[in-house]
């Protein structure tokens, strides 16, 4: 398995580099290895292969893996799932990045509960760019107001945006997200990150300026079904 994960990471990075070169894309883009439902041992194997940024959707998995792997220097935990109010304390304690902030109440709780001995939590605002009722995220026209409020919170750093477009409508959604990102940067110049693109659409996301792509099964194989609170 170690070799398989290492080989998968190598293949993914090579594919990203090749695509960026072919398309003449200049932005720096990072791969977030989405390790939800995968054992800490698999994360450790990816770490040994050079990967540092890992994405988790479930709070209990974030806490468990971050605790078990805390000795790994430089490992970086990205929380990318929906956030319930009663889960913010653990996220504030164990995550380095949060991609899915969509409400000021959640942001305020994350800031208040972030330990003072840790660096400020790096946060992205999730935009429901396709207007799907089943998806989390703020409406595009609410973005700048929320961004202004989040940027004032002492234990958070506003770093950019995240989106999960409706299947089959990635290009249109990614183009809209790129425009929103540029608007956001006019008011918040450091909020340059754009987290968008997964296994099926990462190339399209990179074309429209994604700086973080989230790959799971391509790195770790098929996910295992689990039940989470």
C-alpha atoms as a PDB file:
ATOM      1  CA  UNK A   1       0.000   0.000   0.000  1.00  0.00           C
ATOM      2  CA  UNK A   2       2.832   2.393   0.776  1.00  0.00           C
ATOM      3  CA  UNK A   3       4.120   2.146  -2.764  1.00  0.00           C
ATOM      4  CA  UNK A   4       0.600   2.466  -4.190  1.00  0.00           C
ATOM      5  CA  UNK A   5      -0.056   5.722  -2.307  1.00  0.00           C
ATOM      6  CA  UNK A   6       3.382   7.077  -3.186  1.00  0.00           C
ATOM      7  CA  UNK A   7       2.872   6.154  -6.827  1.00  0.00           C
ATOM      8  CA  UNK A   8      -0.598   7.703  -6.863  1.00  0.00           C
ATOM      9  CA  UNK A   9       0.741  10.949  -5.403  1.00  0.00           C
ATOM     10  CA  UNK A  10       3.565  11.028  -7.912  1.00  0.00           C
ATOM     11  CA  UNK A  11       1.150  10.436 -10.780  1.00  0.00           C
ATOM     12  CA  UNK A  12      -1.196  13.174  -9.521  1.00  0.00           C
ATOM     13  CA  UNK A  13       1.567  15.756  -9.164  1.00  0.00           C
ATOM     14  CA  UNK A  14       2.950  14.865 -12.589  1.00  0.00           C
ATOM     15  CA  UNK A  15      -0.508  15.199 -14.160  1.00  0.00           C
ATOM     16  CA  UNK A  16      -1.041  18.596 -12.513  1.00  0.00           C
ATOM     17  CA  UNK A  17       2.352  19.890 -13.621  1.00  0.00           C
ATOM     18  CA  UNK A  18       1.874  18.583 -17.157  1.00  0.00           C
ATOM     19  CA  UNK A  19      -1.572  20.184 -17.421  1.00  0.00           C
ATOM     20  CA  UNK A  20      -0.362  23.533 -16.075  1.00  0.00           C
ATOM     21  CA  UNK A  21       2.557  23.546 -18.499  1.00  0.00           C
ATOM     22  CA  UNK A  22       0.367  22.622 -21.463  1.00  0.00           C
ATOM     23  CA  UNK A  23      -2.199  25.292 -20.581  1.00  0.00           C
ATOM     24  CA  UNK A  24       0.492  27.852 -19.696  1.00  0.00           C
ATOM     25  CA  UNK A  25      -0.983  28.387 -16.227  1.00  0.00           C
ATOM     26  CA  UNK A  26       1.131  30.439 -13.862  1.00  0.00           C
ATOM     27  CA  UNK A  27      -0.704  30.215 -10.541  1.00  0.00           C
ATOM     28  CA  UNK A  28       0.741  28.111  -7.731  1.00  0.00           C
ATOM     29  CA  UNK A  29      -1.669  25.258  -6.999  1.00  0.00           C
ATOM     30  CA  UNK A  30      -1.601  22.848  -4.075  1.00  0.00           C
ATOM     31  CA  UNK A  31      -2.955  19.331  -3.817  1.00  0.00           C
ATOM     32  CA  UNK A  32      -5.069  18.619  -0.734  1.00  0.00           C
ATOM     33  CA  UNK A  33      -5.146  14.843  -0.199  1.00  0.00           C
ATOM     34  CA  UNK A  34      -8.666  14.091   1.039  1.00  0.00           C
ATOM     35  CA  UNK A  35      -8.258  11.307   3.571  1.00  0.00           C
ATOM     36  CA  UNK A  36     -11.828  10.957   4.867  1.00  0.00           C
ATOM     37  CA  UNK A  37     -12.714   7.368   5.859  1.00  0.00           C
ATOM     38  CA  UNK A  38      -9.048   6.395   5.505  1.00  0.00           C
ATOM     39  CA  UNK A  39      -6.939   5.165   8.415  1.00  0.00           C
ATOM     40  CA  UNK A  40      -4.241   7.301  10.000  1.00  0.00           C
ATOM     41  CA  UNK A  41      -1.727   4.754   8.712  1.00  0.00           C
ATOM     42  CA  UNK A  42      -2.627   5.682   5.127  1.00  0.00           C
ATOM     43  CA  UNK A  43      -2.161   9.365   5.924  1.00  0.00           C
ATOM     44  CA  UNK A  44       1.235   8.550   7.430  1.00  0.00           C
ATOM     45  CA  UNK A  45       2.204   6.695   4.263  1.00  0.00           C
ATOM     46  CA  UNK A  46       1.265   9.711   2.140  1.00  0.00           C
ATOM     47  CA  UNK A  47       3.245  11.932   4.514  1.00  0.00           C
ATOM     48  CA  UNK A  48       6.302   9.709   4.102  1.00  0.00           C
ATOM     49  CA  UNK A  49       5.892  10.133   0.340  1.00  0.00           C
ATOM     50  CA  UNK A  50       6.109  13.898   0.743  1.00  0.00           C
ATOM     51  CA  UNK A  51       2.459  14.987   1.070  1.00  0.00           C
ATOM     52  CA  UNK A  52       1.760  17.511   3.844  1.00  0.00           C
ATOM     53  CA  UNK A  53      -1.790  18.862   3.358  1.00  0.00           C
ATOM     54  CA  UNK A  54      -4.707  16.557   4.182  1.00  0.00           C
ATOM     55  CA  UNK A  55      -8.454  17.189   3.974  1.00  0.00           C
ATOM     56  CA  UNK A  56     -11.055  15.838   6.383  1.00  0.00           C
ATOM     57  CA  UNK A  57     -14.866  16.053   6.149  1.00  0.00           C
ATOM     58  CA  UNK A  58     -15.768  14.638   9.550  1.00  0.00           C
ATOM     59  CA  UNK A  59     -14.812  16.213  12.869  1.00  0.00           C
ATOM     60  CA  UNK A  60     -14.266  12.955  14.743  1.00  0.00           C
ATOM     61  CA  UNK A  61     -11.861  11.752  12.060  1.00  0.00           C
ATOM     62  CA  UNK A  62      -9.993  15.066  12.139  1.00  0.00           C
ATOM     63  CA  UNK A  63      -9.546  14.843  15.909  1.00  0.00           C
ATOM     64  CA  UNK A  64      -8.539  11.187  15.837  1.00  0.00           C
ATOM     65  CA  UNK A  65      -5.989  11.453  13.038  1.00  0.00           C
ATOM     66  CA  UNK A  66      -4.535  14.801  14.121  1.00  0.00           C
ATOM     67  CA  UNK A  67      -4.009  13.366  17.608  1.00  0.00           C
ATOM     68  CA  UNK A  68      -2.490  10.096  16.402  1.00  0.00           C
ATOM     69  CA  UNK A  69      -0.194  11.815  13.891  1.00  0.00           C
ATOM     70  CA  UNK A  70       0.762  14.894  15.896  1.00  0.00           C
ATOM     71  CA  UNK A  71       4.433  13.878  15.858  1.00  0.00           C
ATOM     72  CA  UNK A  72       4.616  14.361  12.077  1.00  0.00           C
ATOM     73  CA  UNK A  73       6.361  17.692  11.625  1.00  0.00           C
ATOM     74  CA  UNK A  74       4.693  20.071   9.192  1.00  0.00           C
ATOM     75  CA  UNK A  75       1.517  18.058   8.644  1.00  0.00           C
ATOM     76  CA  UNK A  76      -1.379  20.368   7.793  1.00  0.00           C
ATOM     77  CA  UNK A  77      -5.048  19.589   8.409  1.00  0.00           C
ATOM     78  CA  UNK A  78      -7.756  21.124   6.202  1.00  0.00           C
ATOM     79  CA  UNK A  79     -11.361  20.776   7.362  1.00  0.00           C
ATOM     80  CA  UNK A  80     -13.555  20.754   4.261  1.00  0.00           C
ATOM     81  CA  UNK A  81     -16.928  19.454   5.472  1.00  0.00           C
ATOM     82  CA  UNK A  82     -20.105  21.148   6.715  1.00  0.00           C
ATOM     83  CA  UNK A  83     -19.733  22.742  10.151  1.00  0.00           C
ATOM     84  CA  UNK A  84     -22.232  22.307  12.975  1.00  0.00           C
ATOM     85  CA  UNK A  85     -22.152  24.798  15.839  1.00  0.00           C
ATOM     86  CA  UNK A  86     -21.517  22.093  18.420  1.00  0.00           C
ATOM     87  CA  UNK A  87     -18.413  20.920  16.510  1.00  0.00           C
ATOM     88  CA  UNK A  88     -16.540  24.222  16.207  1.00  0.00           C
ATOM     89  CA  UNK A  89     -14.393  23.754  19.314  1.00  0.00           C
ATOM     90  CA  UNK A  90     -12.710  20.621  17.969  1.00  0.00           C
ATOM     91  CA  UNK A  91     -12.237  22.186  14.543  1.00  0.00           C
ATOM     92  CA  UNK A  92     -10.698  25.284  16.112  1.00  0.00           C
ATOM     93  CA  UNK A  93      -8.372  23.095  18.156  1.00  0.00           C
ATOM     94  CA  UNK A  94      -7.175  20.627  15.530  1.00  0.00           C
ATOM     95  CA  UNK A  95      -7.502  22.176  12.055  1.00  0.00           C
ATOM     96  CA  UNK A  96      -4.995  24.484  10.389  1.00  0.00           C
ATOM     97  CA  UNK A  97      -7.332  25.473   7.570  1.00  0.00           C
ATOM     98  CA  UNK A  98     -11.125  25.531   7.281  1.00  0.00           C
ATOM     99  CA  UNK A  99     -12.571  25.630   3.752  1.00  0.00           C
ATOM    100  CA  UNK A 100     -16.272  25.632   4.612  1.00  0.00           C
ATOM    101  CA  UNK A 101     -17.163  28.783   6.562  1.00  0.00           C
ATOM    102  CA  UNK A 102     -20.570  30.019   5.414  1.00  0.00           C
ATOM    103  CA  UNK A 103     -22.046  31.798   8.449  1.00  0.00           C
ATOM    104  CA  UNK A 104     -20.749  34.560  10.676  1.00  0.00           C
ATOM    105  CA  UNK A 105     -21.897  32.673  13.782  1.00  0.00           C
ATOM    106  CA  UNK A 106     -19.631  29.764  12.866  1.00  0.00           C
ATOM    107  CA  UNK A 107     -16.710  32.087  12.157  1.00  0.00           C
ATOM    108  CA  UNK A 108     -17.185  33.856  15.493  1.00  0.00           C
ATOM    109  CA  UNK A 109     -17.182  30.541  17.351  1.00  0.00           C
ATOM    110  CA  UNK A 110     -14.060  29.340  15.528  1.00  0.00           C
ATOM    111  CA  UNK A 111     -12.240  32.558  16.414  1.00  0.00           C
ATOM    112  CA  UNK A 112     -13.329  32.508  20.049  1.00  0.00           C
ATOM    113  CA  UNK A 113     -12.400  28.837  20.457  1.00  0.00           C
ATOM    114  CA  UNK A 114      -9.051  28.948  18.634  1.00  0.00           C
ATOM    115  CA  UNK A 115      -6.327  28.392  21.270  1.00  0.00           C
ATOM    116  CA  UNK A 116      -4.215  31.499  21.758  1.00  0.00           C
ATOM    117  CA  UNK A 117      -0.994  29.475  21.584  1.00  0.00           C
ATOM    118  CA  UNK A 118      -1.801  28.450  17.994  1.00  0.00           C
ATOM    119  CA  UNK A 119      -1.443  30.508  14.840  1.00  0.00           C
ATOM    120  CA  UNK A 120      -4.691  32.069  13.609  1.00  0.00           C
ATOM    121  CA  UNK A 121      -6.964  29.646  11.794  1.00  0.00           C
ATOM    122  CA  UNK A 122      -6.768  30.047   8.014  1.00  0.00           C
ATOM    123  CA  UNK A 123     -10.308  30.199   6.634  1.00  0.00           C
ATOM    124  CA  UNK A 124     -12.048  30.117   3.268  1.00  0.00           C
ATOM    125  CA  UNK A 125     -15.644  31.135   2.668  1.00  0.00           C
ATOM    126  CA  UNK A 126     -17.746  28.486   0.949  1.00  0.00           C
ATOM    127  CA  UNK A 127     -19.908  29.816  -1.884  1.00  0.00           C
ATOM    128  CA  UNK A 128     -22.950  27.909  -3.142  1.00  0.00           C
ATOM    129  CA  UNK A 129     -22.058  28.905  -6.674  1.00  0.00           C
ATOM    130  CA  UNK A 130     -24.632  26.685  -8.409  1.00  0.00           C
ATOM    131  CA  UNK A 131     -27.503  27.599  -6.063  1.00  0.00           C
ATOM    132  CA  UNK A 132     -28.178  23.993  -5.074  1.00  0.00           C
ATOM    133  CA  UNK A 133     -30.475  23.549  -2.064  1.00  0.00           C
ATOM    134  CA  UNK A 134     -28.586  20.400  -1.055  1.00  0.00           C
ATOM    135  CA  UNK A 135     -25.232  22.202  -0.862  1.00  0.00           C
ATOM    136  CA  UNK A 136     -23.776  24.370   1.852  1.00  0.00           C
ATOM    137  CA  UNK A 137     -22.444  27.825   1.126  1.00  0.00           C
ATOM    138  CA  UNK A 138     -23.426  31.466   0.977  1.00  0.00           C
ATOM    139  CA  UNK A 139     -25.023  33.181  -1.991  1.00  0.00           C
ATOM    140  CA  UNK A 140     -22.559  35.090  -4.177  1.00  0.00           C
ATOM    141  CA  UNK A 141     -24.252  38.422  -3.435  1.00  0.00           C
ATOM    142  CA  UNK A 142     -23.723  37.875   0.309  1.00  0.00           C
ATOM    143  CA  UNK A 143     -20.011  37.195  -0.014  1.00  0.00           C
ATOM    144  CA  UNK A 144     -18.416  40.593   0.493  1.00  0.00           C
ATOM    145  CA  UNK A 145     -20.488  41.432   3.575  1.00  0.00           C
ATOM    146  CA  UNK A 146     -19.538  38.151   5.242  1.00  0.00           C
ATOM    147  CA  UNK A 147     -15.904  38.565   4.199  1.00  0.00           C
ATOM    148  CA  UNK A 148     -15.702  41.998   5.833  1.00  0.00           C
ATOM    149  CA  UNK A 149     -17.065  40.595   9.096  1.00  0.00           C
ATOM    150  CA  UNK A 150     -14.852  37.498   9.122  1.00  0.00           C
ATOM    151  CA  UNK A 151     -11.746  39.565   8.391  1.00  0.00           C
ATOM    152  CA  UNK A 152     -12.282  41.427  11.681  1.00  0.00           C
ATOM    153  CA  UNK A 153     -12.142  38.305  13.859  1.00  0.00           C
ATOM    154  CA  UNK A 154      -8.852  38.143  15.806  1.00  0.00           C
ATOM    155  CA  UNK A 155      -8.060  34.412  15.647  1.00  0.00           C
ATOM    156  CA  UNK A 156      -8.956  33.918  11.990  1.00  0.00           C
ATOM    157  CA  UNK A 157      -7.211  34.885   8.766  1.00  0.00           C
ATOM    158  CA  UNK A 158      -9.419  35.232   5.714  1.00  0.00           C
ATOM    159  CA  UNK A 159      -7.559  33.497   2.892  1.00  0.00           C
ATOM    160  CA  UNK A 160     -10.073  33.060   0.071  1.00  0.00           C
ATOM    161  CA  UNK A 161     -12.991  31.024  -1.252  1.00  0.00           C
ATOM    162  CA  UNK A 162     -14.160  27.439  -1.742  1.00  0.00           C
ATOM    163  CA  UNK A 163     -16.860  25.943  -3.964  1.00  0.00           C
ATOM    164  CA  UNK A 164     -18.301  22.577  -5.020  1.00  0.00           C
ATOM    165  CA  UNK A 165     -20.182  23.165  -8.303  1.00  0.00           C
ATOM    166  CA  UNK A 166     -23.169  21.218  -9.505  1.00  0.00           C
ATOM    167  CA  UNK A 167     -22.002  18.176 -11.504  1.00  0.00           C
ATOM    168  CA  UNK A 168     -21.710  18.941 -15.195  1.00  0.00           C
ATOM    169  CA  UNK A 169     -21.633  22.709 -14.699  1.00  0.00           C
ATOM    170  CA  UNK A 170     -18.055  23.116 -13.546  1.00  0.00           C
ATOM    171  CA  UNK A 171     -16.742  25.472 -16.229  1.00  0.00           C
ATOM    172  CA  UNK A 172     -19.486  28.059 -15.756  1.00  0.00           C
ATOM    173  CA  UNK A 173     -19.243  27.833 -11.956  1.00  0.00           C
ATOM    174  CA  UNK A 174     -15.457  28.011 -11.903  1.00  0.00           C
ATOM    175  CA  UNK A 175     -15.499  31.082 -14.133  1.00  0.00           C
ATOM    176  CA  UNK A 176     -17.965  32.758 -11.743  1.00  0.00           C
ATOM    177  CA  UNK A 177     -15.775  31.807  -8.779  1.00  0.00           C
ATOM    178  CA  UNK A 178     -12.711  33.314 -10.430  1.00  0.00           C
ATOM    179  CA  UNK A 179     -14.594  36.601 -10.858  1.00  0.00           C
ATOM    180  CA  UNK A 180     -15.775  36.523  -7.241  1.00  0.00           C
ATOM    181  CA  UNK A 181     -12.218  35.861  -6.088  1.00  0.00           C
ATOM    182  CA  UNK A 182     -10.947  38.913  -7.943  1.00  0.00           C
ATOM    183  CA  UNK A 183     -13.724  41.017  -6.408  1.00  0.00           C
ATOM    184  CA  UNK A 184     -12.836  39.726  -2.948  1.00  0.00           C
ATOM    185  CA  UNK A 185      -9.155  40.522  -3.436  1.00  0.00           C
ATOM    186  CA  UNK A 186      -9.982  44.152  -4.181  1.00  0.00           C
ATOM    187  CA  UNK A 187     -11.149  44.501  -0.574  1.00  0.00           C
ATOM    188  CA  UNK A 188      -8.982  41.783   0.999  1.00  0.00           C
ATOM    189  CA  UNK A 189      -5.721  41.472  -0.973  1.00  0.00           C
ATOM    190  CA  UNK A 190      -4.454  38.489   1.028  1.00  0.00           C
ATOM    191  CA  UNK A 191      -7.568  36.395   0.312  1.00  0.00           C
ATOM    192  CA  UNK A 192      -6.141  34.879  -2.864  1.00  0.00           C
ATOM    193  CA  UNK A 193      -6.829  31.177  -2.312  1.00  0.00           C
ATOM    194  CA  UNK A 194      -9.424  29.447  -4.473  1.00  0.00           C
ATOM    195  CA  UNK A 195     -10.246  25.914  -3.328  1.00  0.00           C
ATOM    196  CA  UNK A 196     -12.088  24.181  -6.147  1.00  0.00           C
ATOM    197  CA  UNK A 197     -11.682  21.105  -8.268  1.00  0.00           C
ATOM    198  CA  UNK A 198     -11.876  17.421  -7.369  1.00  0.00           C
ATOM    199  CA  UNK A 199     -11.140  14.159  -9.120  1.00  0.00           C
ATOM    200  CA  UNK A 200     -13.596  14.701 -11.981  1.00  0.00           C
ATOM    201  CA  UNK A 201     -13.031  18.384 -12.678  1.00  0.00           C
ATOM    202  CA  UNK A 202      -9.643  19.509 -11.382  1.00  0.00           C
ATOM    203  CA  UNK A 203      -8.336  20.383 -14.847  1.00  0.00           C
ATOM    204  CA  UNK A 204     -11.253  22.732 -15.475  1.00  0.00           C
ATOM    205  CA  UNK A 205     -10.775  24.256 -12.018  1.00  0.00           C
ATOM    206  CA  UNK A 206      -7.100  24.938 -12.690  1.00  0.00           C
ATOM    207  CA  UNK A 207      -8.010  26.710 -15.936  1.00  0.00           C
ATOM    208  CA  UNK A 208     -10.032  29.183 -13.886  1.00  0.00           C
ATOM    209  CA  UNK A 209      -7.424  29.886 -11.233  1.00  0.00           C
ATOM    210  CA  UNK A 210      -7.827  27.196  -8.583  1.00  0.00           C
ATOM    211  CA  UNK A 211      -4.997  27.279  -6.046  1.00  0.00           C
ATOM    212  CA  UNK A 212      -6.123  24.191  -4.117  1.00  0.00           C
ATOM    213  CA  UNK A 213      -7.493  21.012  -5.661  1.00  0.00           C
ATOM    214  CA  UNK A 214      -8.950  18.298  -3.462  1.00  0.00           C
ATOM    215  CA  UNK A 215      -8.185  14.706  -4.511  1.00  0.00           C
ATOM    216  CA  UNK A 216      -9.226  11.656  -2.489  1.00  0.00           C
ATOM    217  CA  UNK A 217      -9.843   8.400  -4.318  1.00  0.00           C
ATOM    218  CA  UNK A 218      -7.088   9.220  -6.824  1.00  0.00           C
ATOM    219  CA  UNK A 219      -4.612   9.088  -3.932  1.00  0.00           C
ATOM    220  CA  UNK A 220      -6.045   6.632  -1.411  1.00  0.00           C
ATOM    221  CA  UNK A 221      -8.353   4.454  -3.506  1.00  0.00           C
ATOM    222  CA  UNK A 222     -12.082   3.929  -3.054  1.00  0.00           C
ATOM    223  CA  UNK A 223     -13.557   5.292   0.154  1.00  0.00           C
ATOM    224  CA  UNK A 224     -14.953   3.049   2.854  1.00  0.00           C
ATOM    225  CA  UNK A 225     -18.517   3.667   3.975  1.00  0.00           C
ATOM    226  CA  UNK A 226     -18.711   4.870   7.564  1.00  0.00           C
ATOM    227  CA  UNK A 227     -21.319   6.434   9.817  1.00  0.00           C
ATOM    228  CA  UNK A 228     -20.439   9.702  11.517  1.00  0.00           C
ATOM    229  CA  UNK A 229     -22.133  12.055  13.939  1.00  0.00           C
END
